[in-house]
Amino acid sequence: MATVKLATLVIRTLAKPISAQIKNQAKQHETFRSICISLAQRMHVGEIKLRTNILGEPARQHVKPLSETRAIENGANALAEGFLFSVAALLIIGETWRSSRSQSKQRGDVNERIEELSANVASLTERLERIQESLGDVESERERNNELARIVERVVEIGLRGGWAEFEDTPLKVPRVELAPTTSRVSP
């Protein structure tokens, strides 16, 4: 990022001497001179027409042309300023393109990360559902085992009290036995 800004500054700095050189060449070279004169004369006519339209002055039929030296000077300035403006516009467009490309790459990275996280969440949700199902199975087994233990305890208690331990004509007294202690006893 810093190197891009530094490069932009270097290009702008180099554009100024190039602009001055264009200005000098426009004054010395015959083709540049003719371009500068025609450019300056068109700009002068456009400026006069714009001024009369904006200010509401009566339109002039004939606009007095600029002198050759003045036209060369104005045309050379226009070319030099146009070059500087073009360089600045290209730098802005380049920076905008670079930052949009960088942002689209970041968006792509973020989208990939979101997809990865979504897949992880789906995987974890599936695992959680399986664990909950197995936990539900364990709970139902535990309840079933507790119920069976109560039934067996009751059957043993009933059997020990009376029904099974008594034979036909000989009653056998069996003491009451607790299978699961209800309170813990502390030995003295």
N, C-alpha and C. Protein backbone atom coordinates (compact mmCIF):
# COMPACT_ATOMS: atom_id res chain seq x y z
N MET A 1 0.83 -1.18 0.00
CA MET A 1 0.00 0.00 0.00
C MET A 1 0.88 1.25 0.00
N ALA A 2 1.89 1.27 0.85
CA ALA A 2 2.77 2.44 0.94
C ALA A 2 3.58 2.58 -0.34
N THR A 3 3.99 1.47 -0.93
CA THR A 3 4.77 1.55 -2.17
C THR A 3 3.93 2.09 -3.30
N VAL A 4 2.65 1.78 -3.33
CA VAL A 4 1.77 2.30 -4.38
C VAL A 4 1.63 3.81 -4.23
N LYS A 5 1.44 4.27 -3.01
CA LYS A 5 1.31 5.71 -2.79
C LYS A 5 2.62 6.43 -3.12
N LEU A 6 3.73 5.81 -2.78
CA LEU A 6 5.04 6.39 -3.10
C LEU A 6 5.24 6.45 -4.61
N ALA A 7 4.85 5.39 -5.31
CA ALA A 7 4.96 5.38 -6.77
C ALA A 7 4.08 6.46 -7.39
N THR A 8 2.89 6.66 -6.84
CA THR A 8 1.99 7.71 -7.33
C THR A 8 2.63 9.08 -7.16
N LEU A 9 3.24 9.30 -6.03
CA LEU A 9 3.90 10.58 -5.77
C LEU A 9 5.07 10.79 -6.74
N VAL A 10 5.84 9.76 -7.00
CA VAL A 10 6.98 9.85 -7.93
C VAL A 10 6.47 10.17 -9.33
N ILE A 11 5.40 9.51 -9.76
CA ILE A 11 4.87 9.76 -11.10
C ILE A 11 4.37 11.19 -11.22
N ARG A 12 3.68 11.68 -10.19
CA ARG A 12 3.21 13.08 -10.24
C ARG A 12 4.38 14.05 -10.27
N THR A 13 5.41 13.73 -9.52
CA THR A 13 6.59 14.61 -9.50
C THR A 13 7.28 14.61 -10.86
N LEU A 14 7.37 13.45 -11.49
CA LEU A 14 8.00 13.36 -12.82
C LEU A 14 7.13 13.98 -13.91
N ALA A 15 5.84 14.04 -13.71
CA ALA A 15 4.94 14.59 -14.71
C ALA A 15 5.13 16.10 -14.87
N LYS A 16 5.53 16.77 -13.82
CA LYS A 16 5.69 18.23 -13.90
C LYS A 16 6.82 18.64 -14.85
N PRO A 17 8.01 18.06 -14.76
CA PRO A 17 9.04 18.43 -15.75
C PRO A 17 8.67 18.02 -17.18
N ILE A 18 7.97 16.89 -17.29
CA ILE A 18 7.54 16.47 -18.64
C ILE A 18 6.55 17.49 -19.19
N SER A 19 5.68 17.98 -18.34
CA SER A 19 4.72 19.01 -18.76
C SER A 19 5.45 20.28 -19.20
N ALA A 20 6.47 20.68 -18.45
CA ALA A 20 7.26 21.86 -18.84
C ALA A 20 7.96 21.64 -20.17
N GLN A 21 8.44 20.40 -20.40
CA GLN A 21 9.10 20.09 -21.67
C GLN A 21 8.10 20.13 -22.82
N ILE A 22 6.89 19.65 -22.60
CA ILE A 22 5.85 19.73 -23.63
C ILE A 22 5.57 21.19 -23.97
N LYS A 23 5.54 22.01 -22.95
CA LYS A 23 5.28 23.44 -23.14
C LYS A 23 6.38 24.08 -23.98
N ASN A 24 7.63 23.75 -23.68
CA ASN A 24 8.75 24.30 -24.46
C ASN A 24 8.74 23.79 -25.89
N GLN A 25 8.45 22.50 -26.07
CA GLN A 25 8.41 21.94 -27.42
C GLN A 25 7.28 22.55 -28.24
N ALA A 26 6.17 22.86 -27.58
CA ALA A 26 5.05 23.48 -28.29
C ALA A 26 5.43 24.84 -28.83
N LYS A 27 6.29 25.55 -28.13
CA LYS A 27 6.72 26.87 -28.60
C LYS A 27 7.75 26.77 -29.71
N GLN A 28 8.54 25.73 -29.74
CA GLN A 28 9.66 25.64 -30.68
C GLN A 28 9.34 24.82 -31.92
N HIS A 29 8.60 23.76 -31.79
CA HIS A 29 8.34 22.85 -32.90
C HIS A 29 7.18 23.37 -33.73
N GLU A 30 7.32 23.31 -35.06
CA GLU A 30 6.33 23.90 -35.96
C GLU A 30 4.98 23.18 -35.88
N THR A 31 4.97 21.88 -35.82
CA THR A 31 3.70 21.15 -35.75
C THR A 31 2.99 21.43 -34.44
N PHE A 32 3.74 21.43 -33.35
CA PHE A 32 3.17 21.76 -32.05
C PHE A 32 2.62 23.19 -32.05
N ARG A 33 3.34 24.08 -32.69
CA ARG A 33 2.89 25.47 -32.73
C ARG A 33 1.54 25.59 -33.42
N SER A 34 1.39 24.89 -34.54
CA SER A 34 0.12 24.98 -35.27
C SER A 34 -1.01 24.35 -34.46
N ILE A 35 -0.70 23.26 -33.75
CA ILE A 35 -1.71 22.62 -32.88
C ILE A 35 -2.09 23.57 -31.75
N CYS A 36 -1.08 24.20 -31.15
CA CYS A 36 -1.34 25.12 -30.04
C CYS A 36 -2.16 26.31 -30.49
N ILE A 37 -1.86 26.86 -31.66
CA ILE A 37 -2.58 28.03 -32.16
C ILE A 37 -4.04 27.67 -32.41
N SER A 38 -4.28 26.54 -33.11
CA SER A 38 -5.68 26.17 -33.40
C SER A 38 -6.44 25.85 -32.11
N LEU A 39 -5.77 25.17 -31.15
CA LEU A 39 -6.40 24.85 -29.87
C LEU A 39 -6.74 26.12 -29.11
N ALA A 40 -5.80 27.04 -29.05
CA ALA A 40 -6.01 28.28 -28.31
C ALA A 40 -7.11 29.12 -28.94
N GLN A 41 -7.16 29.18 -30.28
CA GLN A 41 -8.20 29.97 -30.96
C GLN A 41 -9.59 29.38 -30.71
N ARG A 42 -9.69 28.02 -30.74
CA ARG A 42 -10.99 27.39 -30.46
C ARG A 42 -11.41 27.60 -29.01
N MET A 43 -10.47 27.52 -28.10
CA MET A 43 -10.77 27.76 -26.69
C MET A 43 -11.23 29.21 -26.50
N HIS A 44 -10.58 30.17 -27.19
CA HIS A 44 -10.93 31.59 -27.07
C HIS A 44 -12.35 31.83 -27.60
N VAL A 45 -12.68 31.25 -28.74
CA VAL A 45 -14.02 31.43 -29.31
C VAL A 45 -15.06 30.79 -28.38
N GLY A 46 -14.77 29.60 -27.86
CA GLY A 46 -15.70 28.93 -26.94
C GLY A 46 -15.89 29.74 -25.67
N GLU A 47 -14.81 30.33 -25.16
CA GLU A 47 -14.90 31.15 -23.95
C GLU A 47 -15.75 32.38 -24.17
N ILE A 48 -15.58 33.03 -25.30
CA ILE A 48 -16.36 34.24 -25.61
C ILE A 48 -17.84 33.88 -25.74
N LYS A 49 -18.14 32.80 -26.45
CA LYS A 49 -19.55 32.39 -26.62
C LYS A 49 -20.17 32.01 -25.27
N LEU A 50 -19.41 31.32 -24.45
CA LEU A 50 -19.91 30.92 -23.12
C LEU A 50 -20.16 32.15 -22.25
N ARG A 51 -19.24 33.09 -22.31
CA ARG A 51 -19.38 34.31 -21.51
C ARG A 51 -20.60 35.10 -21.95
N THR A 52 -20.84 35.22 -23.25
CA THR A 52 -22.00 35.98 -23.72
C THR A 52 -23.30 35.26 -23.36
N ASN A 53 -23.30 33.96 -23.39
CA ASN A 53 -24.52 33.21 -23.02
C ASN A 53 -24.80 33.29 -21.53
N ILE A 54 -23.75 33.19 -20.72
CA ILE A 54 -23.94 33.21 -19.27
C ILE A 54 -24.31 34.61 -18.78
N LEU A 55 -23.63 35.60 -19.28
CA LEU A 55 -23.86 36.97 -18.81
C LEU A 55 -25.03 37.66 -19.52
N GLY A 56 -25.53 37.05 -20.57
CA GLY A 56 -26.67 37.62 -21.27
C GLY A 56 -26.31 38.77 -22.18
N GLU A 57 -25.04 38.88 -22.55
CA GLU A 57 -24.64 39.95 -23.48
C GLU A 57 -25.10 39.58 -24.89
N PRO A 58 -25.22 40.56 -25.73
CA PRO A 58 -25.61 40.24 -27.12
C PRO A 58 -24.48 39.45 -27.80
N ALA A 59 -24.87 38.49 -28.62
CA ALA A 59 -23.90 37.61 -29.29
C ALA A 59 -23.12 38.40 -30.33
N ARG A 60 -21.85 38.11 -30.39
CA ARG A 60 -20.99 38.76 -31.37
C ARG A 60 -20.93 37.90 -32.62
N GLN A 61 -20.98 38.56 -33.77
CA GLN A 61 -20.92 37.82 -35.03
C GLN A 61 -19.49 37.38 -35.31
N HIS A 62 -18.56 38.25 -35.00
CA HIS A 62 -17.16 37.92 -35.30
C HIS A 62 -16.33 38.10 -34.03
N VAL A 63 -15.56 37.07 -33.67
CA VAL A 63 -14.70 37.12 -32.48
C VAL A 63 -13.29 37.41 -32.96
N LYS A 64 -12.69 38.43 -32.36
CA LYS A 64 -11.32 38.82 -32.73
C LYS A 64 -10.36 37.72 -32.27
N PRO A 65 -9.54 37.15 -33.17
CA PRO A 65 -8.63 36.07 -32.80
C PRO A 65 -7.48 36.59 -31.93
N LEU A 66 -6.88 35.66 -31.19
CA LEU A 66 -5.73 35.99 -30.35
C LEU A 66 -4.50 36.22 -31.21
N SER A 67 -3.55 36.95 -30.67
CA SER A 67 -2.28 37.12 -31.38
C SER A 67 -1.54 35.78 -31.41
N GLU A 68 -0.60 35.64 -32.32
CA GLU A 68 0.09 34.35 -32.48
C GLU A 68 0.87 33.99 -31.22
N THR A 69 1.57 34.93 -30.62
CA THR A 69 2.35 34.61 -29.42
C THR A 69 1.42 34.26 -28.25
N ARG A 70 0.34 35.01 -28.15
CA ARG A 70 -0.63 34.72 -27.08
C ARG A 70 -1.29 33.36 -27.31
N ALA A 71 -1.62 33.04 -28.56
CA ALA A 71 -2.24 31.75 -28.89
C ALA A 71 -1.27 30.60 -28.61
N ILE A 72 0.00 30.78 -28.95
CA ILE A 72 0.99 29.73 -28.69
C ILE A 72 1.13 29.52 -27.19
N GLU A 73 1.20 30.60 -26.43
CA GLU A 73 1.33 30.50 -24.98
C GLU A 73 0.12 29.80 -24.36
N ASN A 74 -1.10 30.23 -24.75
CA ASN A 74 -2.32 29.60 -24.21
C ASN A 74 -2.43 28.14 -24.63
N GLY A 75 -2.12 27.83 -25.88
CA GLY A 75 -2.19 26.45 -26.37
C GLY A 75 -1.17 25.56 -25.68
N ALA A 76 0.05 26.08 -25.46
CA ALA A 76 1.09 25.30 -24.77
C ALA A 76 0.68 25.04 -23.33
N ASN A 77 0.12 26.06 -22.67
CA ASN A 77 -0.38 25.87 -21.30
C ASN A 77 -1.50 24.83 -21.26
N ALA A 78 -2.40 24.88 -22.25
CA ALA A 78 -3.50 23.92 -22.30
C ALA A 78 -2.96 22.50 -22.49
N LEU A 79 -1.97 22.34 -23.37
CA LEU A 79 -1.39 21.00 -23.57
C LEU A 79 -0.69 20.50 -22.31
N ALA A 80 0.08 21.37 -21.66
CA ALA A 80 0.80 20.97 -20.46
C ALA A 80 -0.18 20.63 -19.34
N GLU A 81 -1.20 21.45 -19.14
CA GLU A 81 -2.20 21.17 -18.10
C GLU A 81 -3.01 19.93 -18.44
N GLY A 82 -3.30 19.74 -19.73
CA GLY A 82 -4.00 18.53 -20.15
C GLY A 82 -3.19 17.27 -19.85
N PHE A 83 -1.87 17.35 -20.07
CA PHE A 83 -1.00 16.21 -19.75
C PHE A 83 -1.02 15.92 -18.26
N LEU A 84 -0.87 16.97 -17.43
CA LEU A 84 -0.90 16.77 -15.98
C LEU A 84 -2.25 16.20 -15.52
N PHE A 85 -3.33 16.72 -16.10
CA PHE A 85 -4.64 16.22 -15.74
C PHE A 85 -4.79 14.75 -16.15
N SER A 86 -4.29 14.39 -17.31
CA SER A 86 -4.37 12.99 -17.78
C SER A 86 -3.60 12.06 -16.86
N VAL A 87 -2.40 12.50 -16.45
CA VAL A 87 -1.60 11.67 -15.54
C VAL A 87 -2.33 11.48 -14.22
N ALA A 88 -2.87 12.57 -13.67
CA ALA A 88 -3.59 12.48 -12.40
C ALA A 88 -4.82 11.58 -12.53
N ALA A 89 -5.55 11.73 -13.64
CA ALA A 89 -6.75 10.90 -13.86
C ALA A 89 -6.36 9.43 -13.99
N LEU A 90 -5.30 9.14 -14.70
CA LEU A 90 -4.85 7.74 -14.84
C LEU A 90 -4.43 7.16 -13.50
N LEU A 91 -3.75 7.97 -12.69
CA LEU A 91 -3.35 7.49 -11.36
C LEU A 91 -4.56 7.19 -10.48
N ILE A 92 -5.56 8.06 -10.55
CA ILE A 92 -6.78 7.83 -9.76
C ILE A 92 -7.50 6.58 -10.24
N ILE A 93 -7.63 6.43 -11.54
CA ILE A 93 -8.29 5.24 -12.10
C ILE A 93 -7.52 3.98 -11.73
N GLY A 94 -6.19 4.04 -11.81
CA GLY A 94 -5.37 2.88 -11.44
C GLY A 94 -5.52 2.52 -9.97
N GLU A 95 -5.53 3.52 -9.11
CA GLU A 95 -5.69 3.27 -7.68
C GLU A 95 -7.08 2.69 -7.38
N THR A 96 -8.10 3.21 -8.04
CA THR A 96 -9.45 2.70 -7.86
C THR A 96 -9.54 1.24 -8.32
N TRP A 97 -8.95 0.93 -9.46
CA TRP A 97 -8.96 -0.44 -9.97
C TRP A 97 -8.22 -1.38 -9.02
N ARG A 98 -7.07 -0.92 -8.52
CA ARG A 98 -6.28 -1.75 -7.61
C ARG A 98 -7.04 -2.02 -6.31
N SER A 99 -7.67 -0.98 -5.76
CA SER A 99 -8.40 -1.17 -4.51
C SER A 99 -9.64 -2.04 -4.71
N SER A 100 -10.32 -1.90 -5.85
CA SER A 100 -11.50 -2.75 -6.08
C SER A 100 -11.07 -4.19 -6.28
N ARG A 101 -9.96 -4.41 -6.93
CA ARG A 101 -9.44 -5.78 -7.10
C ARG A 101 -9.06 -6.36 -5.74
N SER A 102 -8.46 -5.55 -4.90
CA SER A 102 -8.09 -5.99 -3.56
C SER A 102 -9.34 -6.32 -2.74
N GLN A 103 -10.35 -5.47 -2.83
CA GLN A 103 -11.59 -5.70 -2.09
C GLN A 103 -12.30 -6.95 -2.59
N SER A 104 -12.29 -7.17 -3.91
CA SER A 104 -12.96 -8.38 -4.42
C SER A 104 -12.21 -9.63 -3.97
N LYS A 105 -10.89 -9.54 -3.87
CA LYS A 105 -10.12 -10.68 -3.37
C LYS A 105 -10.45 -10.92 -1.90
N GLN A 106 -10.56 -9.85 -1.11
CA GLN A 106 -10.93 -9.99 0.30
C GLN A 106 -12.32 -10.57 0.44
N ARG A 107 -13.26 -10.11 -0.42
CA ARG A 107 -14.62 -10.67 -0.37
C ARG A 107 -14.60 -12.15 -0.69
N GLY A 108 -13.78 -12.54 -1.67
CA GLY A 108 -13.65 -13.96 -2.00
C GLY A 108 -13.12 -14.76 -0.83
N ASP A 109 -12.11 -14.22 -0.15
CA ASP A 109 -11.56 -14.90 1.03
C ASP A 109 -12.61 -15.01 2.13
N VAL A 110 -13.36 -13.94 2.35
CA VAL A 110 -14.40 -13.95 3.39
C VAL A 110 -15.49 -14.96 3.03
N ASN A 111 -15.88 -14.99 1.75
CA ASN A 111 -16.91 -15.94 1.32
C ASN A 111 -16.45 -17.38 1.51
N GLU A 112 -15.19 -17.66 1.19
CA GLU A 112 -14.64 -19.00 1.40
C GLU A 112 -14.67 -19.35 2.88
N ARG A 113 -14.29 -18.41 3.71
CA ARG A 113 -14.26 -18.65 5.15
C ARG A 113 -15.68 -18.89 5.69
N ILE A 114 -16.64 -18.13 5.19
CA ILE A 114 -18.03 -18.31 5.61
C ILE A 114 -18.53 -19.68 5.20
N GLU A 115 -18.21 -20.12 3.98
CA GLU A 115 -18.62 -21.44 3.53
C GLU A 115 -18.00 -22.53 4.40
N GLU A 116 -16.72 -22.34 4.73
CA GLU A 116 -16.03 -23.31 5.58
C GLU A 116 -16.68 -23.37 6.96
N LEU A 117 -16.98 -22.21 7.53
CA LEU A 117 -17.63 -22.18 8.84
C LEU A 117 -19.04 -22.78 8.79
N SER A 118 -19.76 -22.54 7.71
CA SER A 118 -21.10 -23.11 7.56
C SER A 118 -21.01 -24.63 7.51
N ALA A 119 -20.02 -25.15 6.79
CA ALA A 119 -19.85 -26.61 6.73
C ALA A 119 -19.51 -27.16 8.12
N ASN A 120 -18.65 -26.45 8.85
CA ASN A 120 -18.31 -26.88 10.21
C ASN A 120 -19.54 -26.87 11.13
N VAL A 121 -20.35 -25.83 11.03
CA VAL A 121 -21.56 -25.74 11.85
C VAL A 121 -22.51 -26.89 11.51
N ALA A 122 -22.68 -27.18 10.22
CA ALA A 122 -23.56 -28.27 9.82
C ALA A 122 -23.04 -29.60 10.36
N SER A 123 -21.74 -29.81 10.28
CA SER A 123 -21.13 -31.04 10.80
C SER A 123 -21.34 -31.15 12.30
N LEU A 124 -21.09 -30.06 13.02
CA LEU A 124 -21.27 -30.08 14.47
C LEU A 124 -22.73 -30.28 14.86
N THR A 125 -23.65 -29.70 14.10
CA THR A 125 -25.08 -29.87 14.38
C THR A 125 -25.47 -31.33 14.20
N GLU A 126 -24.96 -31.95 13.15
CA GLU A 126 -25.25 -33.36 12.91
C GLU A 126 -24.70 -34.23 14.04
N ARG A 127 -23.48 -33.95 14.47
CA ARG A 127 -22.89 -34.71 15.57
C ARG A 127 -23.68 -34.51 16.86
N LEU A 128 -24.11 -33.29 17.12
CA LEU A 128 -24.90 -33.00 18.32
C LEU A 128 -26.22 -33.77 18.30
N GLU A 129 -26.87 -33.83 17.14
CA GLU A 129 -28.13 -34.58 17.03
C GLU A 129 -27.90 -36.06 17.31
N ARG A 130 -26.80 -36.62 16.78
CA ARG A 130 -26.51 -38.04 17.04
C ARG A 130 -26.23 -38.27 18.53
N ILE A 131 -25.50 -37.35 19.14
CA ILE A 131 -25.20 -37.49 20.58
C ILE A 131 -26.50 -37.40 21.39
N GLN A 132 -27.38 -36.47 21.02
CA GLN A 132 -28.65 -36.34 21.73
C GLN A 132 -29.50 -37.60 21.57
N GLU A 133 -29.49 -38.20 20.39
CA GLU A 133 -30.23 -39.43 20.17
C GLU A 133 -29.67 -40.55 21.05
N SER A 134 -28.34 -40.68 21.05
CA SER A 134 -27.74 -41.75 21.87
C SER A 134 -27.95 -41.47 23.36
N LEU A 135 -27.93 -40.21 23.75
CA LEU A 135 -28.19 -39.85 25.14
C LEU A 135 -29.63 -40.18 25.51
N GLY A 136 -30.56 -39.95 24.58
CA GLY A 136 -31.96 -40.30 24.81
C GLY A 136 -32.11 -41.81 24.97
N ASP A 137 -31.36 -42.59 24.16
CA ASP A 137 -31.39 -44.05 24.28
C ASP A 137 -30.85 -44.48 25.63
N VAL A 138 -29.77 -43.86 26.08
CA VAL A 138 -29.17 -44.19 27.37
C VAL A 138 -30.15 -43.87 28.50
N GLU A 139 -30.80 -42.73 28.41
CA GLU A 139 -31.77 -42.34 29.43
C GLU A 139 -32.93 -43.33 29.49
N SER A 140 -33.44 -43.73 28.34
CA SER A 140 -34.55 -44.68 28.35
C SER A 140 -34.09 -46.03 28.90
N GLU A 141 -32.87 -46.45 28.59
CA GLU A 141 -32.32 -47.69 29.16
C GLU A 141 -32.18 -47.58 30.68
N ARG A 142 -31.71 -46.44 31.14
CA ARG A 142 -31.55 -46.23 32.57
C ARG A 142 -32.91 -46.30 33.28
N GLU A 143 -33.92 -45.65 32.71
CA GLU A 143 -35.25 -45.71 33.29
C GLU A 143 -35.78 -47.13 33.30
N ARG A 144 -35.56 -47.84 32.22
CA ARG A 144 -36.01 -49.24 32.12
C ARG A 144 -35.30 -50.09 33.16
N ASN A 145 -33.99 -49.91 33.33
CA ASN A 145 -33.23 -50.67 34.33
C ASN A 145 -33.69 -50.35 35.75
N ASN A 146 -33.95 -49.07 36.02
CA ASN A 146 -34.45 -48.68 37.34
C ASN A 146 -35.81 -49.32 37.62
N GLU A 147 -36.66 -49.34 36.62
CA GLU A 147 -37.99 -49.96 36.78
C GLU A 147 -37.85 -51.45 37.02
N LEU A 148 -36.96 -52.10 36.27
CA LEU A 148 -36.74 -53.53 36.46
C LEU A 148 -36.16 -53.82 37.85
N ALA A 149 -35.26 -52.95 38.32
CA ALA A 149 -34.68 -53.14 39.64
C ALA A 149 -35.75 -53.02 40.71
N ARG A 150 -36.67 -52.06 40.56
CA ARG A 150 -37.76 -51.91 41.53
C ARG A 150 -38.67 -53.14 41.51
N ILE A 151 -38.93 -53.64 40.32
CA ILE A 151 -39.80 -54.82 40.21
C ILE A 151 -39.14 -56.04 40.86
N VAL A 152 -37.85 -56.24 40.56
CA VAL A 152 -37.14 -57.39 41.13
C VAL A 152 -37.09 -57.25 42.65
N GLU A 153 -36.81 -56.07 43.14
CA GLU A 153 -36.76 -55.84 44.59
C GLU A 153 -38.11 -56.15 45.22
N ARG A 154 -39.16 -55.73 44.60
CA ARG A 154 -40.51 -55.97 45.13
C ARG A 154 -40.84 -57.46 45.11
N VAL A 155 -40.48 -58.12 44.01
CA VAL A 155 -40.75 -59.55 43.91
C VAL A 155 -39.98 -60.31 44.98
N VAL A 156 -38.72 -59.97 45.17
CA VAL A 156 -37.91 -60.63 46.19
C VAL A 156 -38.49 -60.37 47.57
N GLU A 157 -38.88 -59.14 47.83
CA GLU A 157 -39.46 -58.80 49.14
C GLU A 157 -40.73 -59.59 49.39
N ILE A 158 -41.60 -59.64 48.40
CA ILE A 158 -42.84 -60.39 48.56
C ILE A 158 -42.54 -61.87 48.76
N GLY A 159 -41.60 -62.37 48.00
CA GLY A 159 -41.25 -63.79 48.09
C GLY A 159 -40.64 -64.13 49.42
N LEU A 160 -39.79 -63.26 49.95
CA LEU A 160 -39.15 -63.54 51.23
C LEU A 160 -40.14 -63.42 52.38
N ARG A 161 -41.11 -62.58 52.28
CA ARG A 161 -42.06 -62.39 53.36
C ARG A 161 -43.02 -63.56 53.51
N GLY A 162 -43.34 -64.08 52.48
CA GLY A 162 -44.37 -65.05 52.72
C GLY A 162 -44.63 -66.00 51.60
N GLY A 163 -45.00 -65.62 50.56
CA GLY A 163 -45.54 -66.50 49.56
C GLY A 163 -44.64 -67.65 49.17
N TRP A 164 -43.38 -67.47 48.95
CA TRP A 164 -42.55 -68.58 48.45
C TRP A 164 -41.88 -69.34 49.57
N ALA A 165 -41.64 -68.73 50.68
CA ALA A 165 -40.90 -69.40 51.74
C ALA A 165 -41.80 -70.32 52.55
N GLU A 166 -43.07 -70.27 52.40
CA GLU A 166 -43.97 -71.13 53.16
C GLU A 166 -44.23 -72.40 52.37
N PHE A 167 -44.04 -73.49 53.05
CA PHE A 167 -44.38 -74.76 52.42
C PHE A 167 -45.78 -75.14 52.88
N GLU A 168 -46.26 -76.24 52.37
CA GLU A 168 -47.65 -76.55 52.63
C GLU A 168 -47.94 -76.73 54.10
N ASP A 169 -47.62 -77.38 54.85
CA ASP A 169 -48.05 -77.47 56.24
C ASP A 169 -46.98 -76.98 57.21
N THR A 170 -45.90 -76.47 56.79
CA THR A 170 -44.84 -76.02 57.67
C THR A 170 -44.51 -74.56 57.38
N PRO A 171 -44.99 -73.74 58.24
CA PRO A 171 -44.63 -72.33 58.00
C PRO A 171 -43.20 -72.08 58.44
N LEU A 172 -42.48 -71.48 57.55
CA LEU A 172 -41.08 -71.14 57.83
C LEU A 172 -41.01 -69.63 57.93
N LYS A 173 -40.55 -69.17 59.05
CA LYS A 173 -40.48 -67.72 59.25
C LYS A 173 -39.17 -67.21 58.67
N VAL A 174 -39.29 -66.25 57.77
CA VAL A 174 -38.11 -65.62 57.15
C VAL A 174 -38.07 -64.18 57.59
N PRO A 175 -36.92 -63.73 58.09
CA PRO A 175 -36.84 -62.33 58.54
C PRO A 175 -36.89 -61.38 57.34
N ARG A 176 -37.33 -60.18 57.62
CA ARG A 176 -37.39 -59.16 56.57
C ARG A 176 -35.97 -58.70 56.25
N VAL A 177 -35.65 -58.62 54.95
CA VAL A 177 -34.32 -58.24 54.49
C VAL A 177 -34.47 -57.06 53.53
N GLU A 178 -33.67 -56.02 53.78
CA GLU A 178 -33.68 -54.87 52.86
C GLU A 178 -32.53 -55.04 51.88
N LEU A 179 -32.83 -54.91 50.60
CA LEU A 179 -31.78 -55.07 49.59
C LEU A 179 -30.99 -53.78 49.39
N ALA A 180 -31.67 -52.66 49.46
CA ALA A 180 -30.98 -51.38 49.31
C ALA A 180 -31.16 -50.60 50.57
N PRO A 181 -30.08 -50.26 51.29
CA PRO A 181 -30.23 -49.53 52.55
C PRO A 181 -30.79 -48.15 52.27
N THR A 182 -31.70 -47.73 53.14
CA THR A 182 -32.31 -46.41 52.96
C THR A 182 -31.49 -45.33 53.60
N THR A 183 -30.81 -45.61 54.70
CA THR A 183 -29.95 -44.63 55.34
C THR A 183 -28.61 -45.28 55.61
N SER A 184 -27.58 -44.46 55.62
CA SER A 184 -26.25 -45.01 55.90
C SER A 184 -26.05 -45.02 57.41
N ARG A 185 -25.54 -46.12 57.90
CA ARG A 185 -25.30 -46.25 59.34
C ARG A 185 -23.85 -46.05 59.62
N VAL A 186 -23.59 -45.27 60.62
CA VAL A 186 -22.21 -44.99 61.02
C VAL A 186 -21.88 -45.88 62.20
N SER A 187 -20.78 -46.61 62.11
CA SER A 187 -20.40 -47.49 63.24
C SER A 187 -19.74 -46.68 64.31
N PRO A 188 -20.14 -46.96 65.61
CA PRO A 188 -19.62 -46.17 66.73
C PRO A 188 -18.23 -46.54 67.12
